[in-house]
Amino acid sequence: MIVRTTDEITGTDRDVSNEENTWRSKRIVLGGDKVGFSFYETTIPAGTENEFHYANHIEAVWLVKGKGTLRDLDNDTEYPLAAGSMYLLNGHEKHQVICEEEMVMLCVFNPPVTGREVHDENGVYPLITED
């Protein structure tokens, strides 16, 4: 059994932000936990826009706080987001998250991420596996 709190993750190598501080992820479950998925709490500040493309992972996102817009850049479609919204990137869609009110999201990745991934210039995480 694994029990963790976001308080104990805060300020550790599991608490990650990008250089621009337009998102912050507290990585609660990672590939090294050997459970077949990874699980994050991600916070996005109001007034920011982020572009992502998970070409090697499926991501499910559940918005628990905040408001914004999800823009599917592959299909030129926009979706309003508010607390209670969920989106699933099952087609590896390149997408943009436009944040109107601070967003807190719970995110699941499959295959699991290790925590060592860094978004490349296209917003993609490389596929890194645990030994």
C-alpha atoms as a PDB file:
ATOM      1  CA  MET A   1       0.000   0.000   0.000  1.00  0.00           C
ATOM      2  CA  ILE A   2       1.183   3.499  -0.850  1.00  0.00           C
ATOM      3  CA  VAL A   3      -0.101   6.534   1.029  1.00  0.00           C
ATOM      4  CA  ARG A   4       1.102  10.019   0.122  1.00  0.00           C
ATOM      5  CA  THR A   5      -0.076  13.576   0.642  1.00  0.00           C
ATOM      6  CA  THR A   6       0.452  16.572  -1.586  1.00  0.00           C
ATOM      7  CA  ASP A   7       1.913  18.358   1.460  1.00  0.00           C
ATOM      8  CA  GLU A   8       4.769  15.841   1.688  1.00  0.00           C
ATOM      9  CA  ILE A   9       5.404  16.097  -2.086  1.00  0.00           C
ATOM     10  CA  THR A  10       5.574  19.904  -2.040  1.00  0.00           C
ATOM     11  CA  GLY A  11       9.147  21.123  -2.479  1.00  0.00           C
ATOM     12  CA  THR A  12      10.534  17.716  -3.488  1.00  0.00           C
ATOM     13  CA  ASP A  13      11.583  16.394  -6.903  1.00  0.00           C
ATOM     14  CA  ARG A  14       7.952  15.290  -7.357  1.00  0.00           C
ATOM     15  CA  ASP A  15       6.851  18.961  -7.309  1.00  0.00           C
ATOM     16  CA  VAL A  16       7.630  20.258 -10.800  1.00  0.00           C
ATOM     17  CA  SER A  17       6.954  23.540 -12.647  1.00  0.00           C
ATOM     18  CA  ASN A  18       7.960  24.780 -16.060  1.00  0.00           C
ATOM     19  CA  GLU A  19      10.388  27.701 -16.381  1.00  0.00           C
ATOM     20  CA  GLU A  20       7.568  30.133 -17.184  1.00  0.00           C
ATOM     21  CA  ASN A  21       5.549  28.998 -14.125  1.00  0.00           C
ATOM     22  CA  THR A  22       2.475  28.471 -16.306  1.00  0.00           C
ATOM     23  CA  TRP A  23       1.835  25.049 -14.705  1.00  0.00           C
ATOM     24  CA  ARG A  24       2.852  23.088 -11.626  1.00  0.00           C
ATOM     25  CA  SER A  25       2.480  19.325 -11.177  1.00  0.00           C
ATOM     26  CA  LYS A  26       2.645  17.401  -7.938  1.00  0.00           C
ATOM     27  CA  ARG A  27       3.491  13.899  -9.099  1.00  0.00           C
ATOM     28  CA  ILE A  28       1.752  11.632  -6.626  1.00  0.00           C
ATOM     29  CA  VAL A  29       2.178   8.271  -8.404  1.00  0.00           C
ATOM     30  CA  LEU A  30       5.035   7.622 -10.868  1.00  0.00           C
ATOM     31  CA  GLY A  31       6.238   4.715 -12.979  1.00  0.00           C
ATOM     32  CA  GLY A  32       8.644   3.607 -10.242  1.00  0.00           C
ATOM     33  CA  ASP A  33       5.645   2.790  -8.069  1.00  0.00           C
ATOM     34  CA  LYS A  34       4.966  -0.104 -10.494  1.00  0.00           C
ATOM     35  CA  VAL A  35       1.171   0.226 -10.661  1.00  0.00           C
ATOM     36  CA  GLY A  36       0.720   0.706 -14.426  1.00  0.00           C
ATOM     37  CA  PHE A  37      -0.232   4.397 -14.447  1.00  0.00           C
ATOM     38  CA  SER A  38       0.933   7.730 -13.055  1.00  0.00           C
ATOM     39  CA  PHE A  39      -1.187  10.296 -11.230  1.00  0.00           C
ATOM     40  CA  TYR A  40      -0.619  14.046 -10.821  1.00  0.00           C
ATOM     41  CA  GLU A  41      -2.268  17.076  -9.333  1.00  0.00           C
ATOM     42  CA  THR A  42      -1.624  19.924 -11.775  1.00  0.00           C
ATOM     43  CA  THR A  43      -2.316  23.593 -11.066  1.00  0.00           C
ATOM     44  CA  ILE A  44      -2.485  26.175 -13.858  1.00  0.00           C
ATOM     45  CA  PRO A  45      -2.550  29.879 -12.938  1.00  0.00           C
ATOM     46  CA  ALA A  46      -5.260  32.206 -14.221  1.00  0.00           C
ATOM     47  CA  GLY A  47      -4.418  34.141 -17.374  1.00  0.00           C
ATOM     48  CA  THR A  48      -2.032  31.554 -18.799  1.00  0.00           C
ATOM     49  CA  GLU A  49      -2.035  29.441 -21.958  1.00  0.00           C
ATOM     50  CA  ASN A  50      -0.193  26.132 -22.304  1.00  0.00           C
ATOM     51  CA  GLU A  51       0.269  23.926 -25.333  1.00  0.00           C
ATOM     52  CA  PHE A  52       0.802  20.179 -24.882  1.00  0.00           C
ATOM     53  CA  HIS A  53       1.110  17.094 -27.044  1.00  0.00           C
ATOM     54  CA  TYR A  54       1.383  13.683 -25.403  1.00  0.00           C
ATOM     55  CA  ALA A  55       2.376  11.661 -28.460  1.00  0.00           C
ATOM     56  CA  ASN A  56       3.533   8.713 -26.327  1.00  0.00           C
ATOM     57  CA  HIS A  57       0.938   8.695 -23.542  1.00  0.00           C
ATOM     58  CA  ILE A  58      -2.810   8.667 -22.995  1.00  0.00           C
ATOM     59  CA  GLU A  59      -3.886  11.301 -20.485  1.00  0.00           C
ATOM     60  CA  ALA A  60      -7.167  11.647 -18.619  1.00  0.00           C
ATOM     61  CA  VAL A  61      -7.771  14.992 -16.901  1.00  0.00           C
ATOM     62  CA  TRP A  62     -10.456  15.825 -14.370  1.00  0.00           C
ATOM     63  CA  LEU A  63     -10.836  19.518 -13.532  1.00  0.00           C
ATOM     64  CA  VAL A  64     -11.739  19.897  -9.850  1.00  0.00           C
ATOM     65  CA  LYS A  65     -11.378  23.692  -9.584  1.00  0.00           C
ATOM     66  CA  GLY A  66     -11.324  26.606 -11.988  1.00  0.00           C
ATOM     67  CA  LYS A  67     -12.473  27.569 -15.449  1.00  0.00           C
ATOM     68  CA  GLY A  68     -11.008  27.769 -18.925  1.00  0.00           C
ATOM     69  CA  THR A  69     -11.007  26.428 -22.451  1.00  0.00           C
ATOM     70  CA  LEU A  70      -9.548  23.306 -24.023  1.00  0.00           C
ATOM     71  CA  ARG A  71      -8.552  23.822 -27.641  1.00  0.00           C
ATOM     72  CA  ASP A  72      -8.046  20.645 -29.736  1.00  0.00           C
ATOM     73  CA  LEU A  73      -5.385  21.841 -32.173  1.00  0.00           C
ATOM     74  CA  ASP A  74      -5.638  18.707 -34.330  1.00  0.00           C
ATOM     75  CA  ASN A  75      -9.370  19.102 -34.975  1.00  0.00           C
ATOM     76  CA  ASP A  76      -9.858  22.878 -34.575  1.00  0.00           C
ATOM     77  CA  THR A  77     -12.433  22.415 -31.811  1.00  0.00           C
ATOM     78  CA  GLU A  78     -12.858  24.228 -28.484  1.00  0.00           C
ATOM     79  CA  TYR A  79     -14.450  22.933 -25.289  1.00  0.00           C
ATOM     80  CA  PRO A  80     -15.395  24.971 -22.221  1.00  0.00           C
ATOM     81  CA  LEU A  81     -13.880  23.629 -18.999  1.00  0.00           C
ATOM     82  CA  ALA A  82     -15.172  24.073 -15.457  1.00  0.00           C
ATOM     83  CA  ALA A  83     -15.036  22.121 -12.221  1.00  0.00           C
ATOM     84  CA  GLY A  84     -16.427  18.662 -12.941  1.00  0.00           C
ATOM     85  CA  SER A  85     -15.186  18.578 -16.570  1.00  0.00           C
ATOM     86  CA  MET A  86     -13.118  15.614 -17.745  1.00  0.00           C
ATOM     87  CA  TYR A  87     -11.196  15.221 -20.969  1.00  0.00           C
ATOM     88  CA  LEU A  88      -9.407  12.184 -22.330  1.00  0.00           C
ATOM     89  CA  LEU A  89      -6.606  12.560 -24.858  1.00  0.00           C
ATOM     90  CA  ASN A  90      -7.074   9.070 -26.290  1.00  0.00           C
ATOM     91  CA  GLY A  91      -6.018  10.172 -29.790  1.00  0.00           C
ATOM     92  CA  HIS A  92      -2.785  11.868 -28.660  1.00  0.00           C
ATOM     93  CA  GLU A  93      -4.299  15.209 -29.642  1.00  0.00           C
ATOM     94  CA  LYS A  94      -2.109  18.291 -29.650  1.00  0.00           C
ATOM     95  CA  HIS A  95      -3.992  20.712 -27.428  1.00  0.00           C
ATOM     96  CA  GLN A  96      -3.963  24.027 -25.656  1.00  0.00           C
ATOM     97  CA  VAL A  97      -5.329  24.845 -22.210  1.00  0.00           C
ATOM     98  CA  ILE A  98      -6.416  28.457 -21.771  1.00  0.00           C
ATOM     99  CA  CYS A  99      -6.950  29.261 -18.109  1.00  0.00           C
ATOM    100  CA  GLU A 100      -9.451  31.926 -17.048  1.00  0.00           C
ATOM    101  CA  GLU A 101      -9.602  31.040 -13.323  1.00  0.00           C
ATOM    102  CA  GLU A 102      -6.877  29.041 -11.559  1.00  0.00           C
ATOM    103  CA  MET A 103      -7.355  25.418 -12.525  1.00  0.00           C
ATOM    104  CA  VAL A 104      -6.612  22.395 -10.359  1.00  0.00           C
ATOM    105  CA  MET A 105      -6.632  19.172 -12.337  1.00  0.00           C
ATOM    106  CA  LEU A 106      -6.158  15.507 -11.444  1.00  0.00           C
ATOM    107  CA  CYS A 107      -4.317  13.737 -14.260  1.00  0.00           C
ATOM    108  CA  VAL A 108      -3.698  10.070 -15.051  1.00  0.00           C
ATOM    109  CA  PHE A 109      -1.071   8.960 -17.596  1.00  0.00           C
ATOM    110  CA  ASN A 110      -0.696   5.605 -19.302  1.00  0.00           C
ATOM    111  CA  PRO A 111       1.932   4.346 -19.803  1.00  0.00           C
ATOM    112  CA  PRO A 112       3.103   5.825 -16.529  1.00  0.00           C
ATOM    113  CA  VAL A 113       5.600   8.648 -16.565  1.00  0.00           C
ATOM    114  CA  THR A 114       8.746   8.398 -14.479  1.00  0.00           C
ATOM    115  CA  GLY A 115       8.967  12.002 -13.351  1.00  0.00           C
ATOM    116  CA  ARG A 116      12.144  12.590 -15.367  1.00  0.00           C
ATOM    117  CA  GLU A 117      10.283  13.646 -18.526  1.00  0.00           C
ATOM    118  CA  VAL A 118      10.553  17.212 -19.770  1.00  0.00           C
ATOM    119  CA  HIS A 119       8.254  18.714 -22.410  1.00  0.00           C
ATOM    120  CA  ASP A 120      10.205  19.163 -25.639  1.00  0.00           C
ATOM    121  CA  GLU A 121       9.782  22.115 -28.026  1.00  0.00           C
ATOM    122  CA  ASN A 122       6.523  20.539 -29.283  1.00  0.00           C
ATOM    123  CA  GLY A 123       5.108  19.944 -25.794  1.00  0.00           C
ATOM    124  CA  VAL A 124       5.771  16.186 -26.038  1.00  0.00           C
ATOM    125  CA  TYR A 125       6.983  13.963 -23.204  1.00  0.00           C
ATOM    126  CA  PRO A 126       9.473  11.317 -24.390  1.00  0.00           C
ATOM    127  CA  LEU A 127       8.641   7.713 -23.576  1.00  0.00           C
ATOM    128  CA  ILE A 128      10.884   6.775 -20.644  1.00  0.00           C
ATOM    129  CA  THR A 129      10.345   3.495 -18.827  1.00  0.00           C
ATOM    130  CA  GLU A 130      11.465   2.298 -15.416  1.00  0.00           C
ATOM    131  CA  ASP A 131      13.851  -0.662 -15.208  1.00  0.00           C
END
